[in-house]
Amino acid sequence: MLLIVPGGANDGNSSKRHAKVRMATAVIQKSTTATSYPQSIRHLALGWLLLLPLIFFAVHGDFSFGGPSNDTLSTASLSGLVSQGRSHGFVGYIVIPGIAYSIVVWLLLLNARRVVAQALRMKLLTILALFTICSALWSQDPFRSTYNGFFYLIETLFAFYLVLKLDQEDILSIFIMTGASICVLSLITVFLFPQSSIMRSARDGVAWIGVFHDRTTAGKCMLYLLSPAIIFRRQSLRYRHVIYILIMSCMVVAAHAATARILLLLYVAWMTAIAVSGRFGRRSLLLMAGIFLVAGVLIAAAGVQLLPQVLGVLGRNATLSGRTEIWSLVLGSIAKRPLLGYGYYAFWQGLKGESANLIVGTHWVFGYAHNGIMEICLQLGLVGTALFLATLFQAMGNAWFCLRNGCPPGVQWYIGLIALTLFYNIDESTVLWPIDLVSIIYIVACCGLATAVRQIKSVRTAEGMDNRCLTYITY
């Protein structure tokens, strides 16, 4: 539970403020004692109910044991939907998706009025989701855009539901619960079904992908599910918490996804900086931000001189494993249809359409642009890209507002997710995918930050506070 109490350290009304705090604390403790048990039962039941759809979204609806060995799989699998070339059978195609979406739709219908109200509050995210469906009007594959756009709209509404129904701590707990479940399932498949859960290649060696269909997805999703545990709280970490962090970190490393490994270290550093900055005032926060900026510029300048050696250590080369060549060809395709793109989820069709030019040009079969912004521009053009960037800049503004006014652990996680999204989409894509847990997590972060800002501003309006007088008390 979160309580925002007005007042500053030197406002002259310290005794009154502390009296308010004591009274509010007593009320909260009394209400918690009376209702915590049934609430915990309901939240536990809801957590188990949400587990199947969250796991389903985490693997893009494509479990590794649903098809042939990953040693022989083509890299043409498309991110976001059940990959082509696999035989999932009746259970994989009908039963599991049917149960997962039945749970999601049922929960949305039960809370339809509140979800619609949230959709109207988060206009940019809602318009972006509707725009994916509208792209069928100019798509090179209208059915594909309509079908996948509809699924993306459902997951957007589902993210709205999660923020409405659950508080910050419950959201953290449910995603950690999902991560633990996927970790257990992945370890089981690695040891019992290694032919489908371990990838081997001459360049990358042995990669544990577990229940995922490729190592990039495995590393990315494991990192995002690890992120809610990497929050530096005042209380000491419990042993289960530490075990979760260690095992999930090992799974990220074992996936042999270079980007996930690098961003794991950067994310820990970022969350450490947030925790440290919370102990200082606004001026100290600005000073620390400036120090980090200057340090980043110096490191980048030094990195240019040592780029080949640094990339070699990170498992990359000067072309970032061929990404620079891909990006130059992608820009050429974007220039052909710059305004509205090729339609949502309709560009990558193998050797059909415009994607054939990229595959032939690189002599490599792949299914996404290896850059989040370029991928959106391919699908939805500059209009869709502008919509997405508007949601991102809004979230960044909300994150900075929360940082300046102090924030509880749940809001710190949202801020960390926005930073993780920024870095991850440099050479991968983590947003605007259908049937994708990471895309849902981005929407949850945007909504959570907007909610936190509204709470802060509403308290200021009610109490006549200025921008410097906020104290968070978390229970």
Foldseek 3Di string as FASTA:
>chain_A
DWDKFWFDDPPPCVVVSVVVVVVVVVVVVVVCVVCVVVVVVVLVVVLVLLLLLLLCLLQLLEWLVQAFFLQPDAQQFAPNHHGPPGHNPCCSPPVSVVSNVVSLVVLCVVVVVQLVVLCVVVVLLQVLLVLQLVLLVQAPHNVQSNVQSVLSNSLLSSLSSCPVPDPLVSVLVSLLVNLVVQLVQQVVCCVPPVRRQWYADPQQGIAGQRGHRALQSSLVSLLLSLLSLLADDPDDDDPVSVVSNVSSLVNNVRSSDLLSPVVSVVLSVVNVLLVVLLVDAPVVNVVVVVVVVVVVVVVVVVCVVVVQVVQVVSSAHPCRPVLVVLLVLLVVLCVVPAAFANHNVRCSDWCDDPVVVSCVSSVGNHHANQAALSRQCNHGHPVSSVSVVVLLVLLVVLLVLCSNQDDDSSLSSLNSLSVSQVSNRGRHHQADHRSHSSNSSPSSSSSNSVVVVVVVVVVCVVVVHDSRIIDMDDD
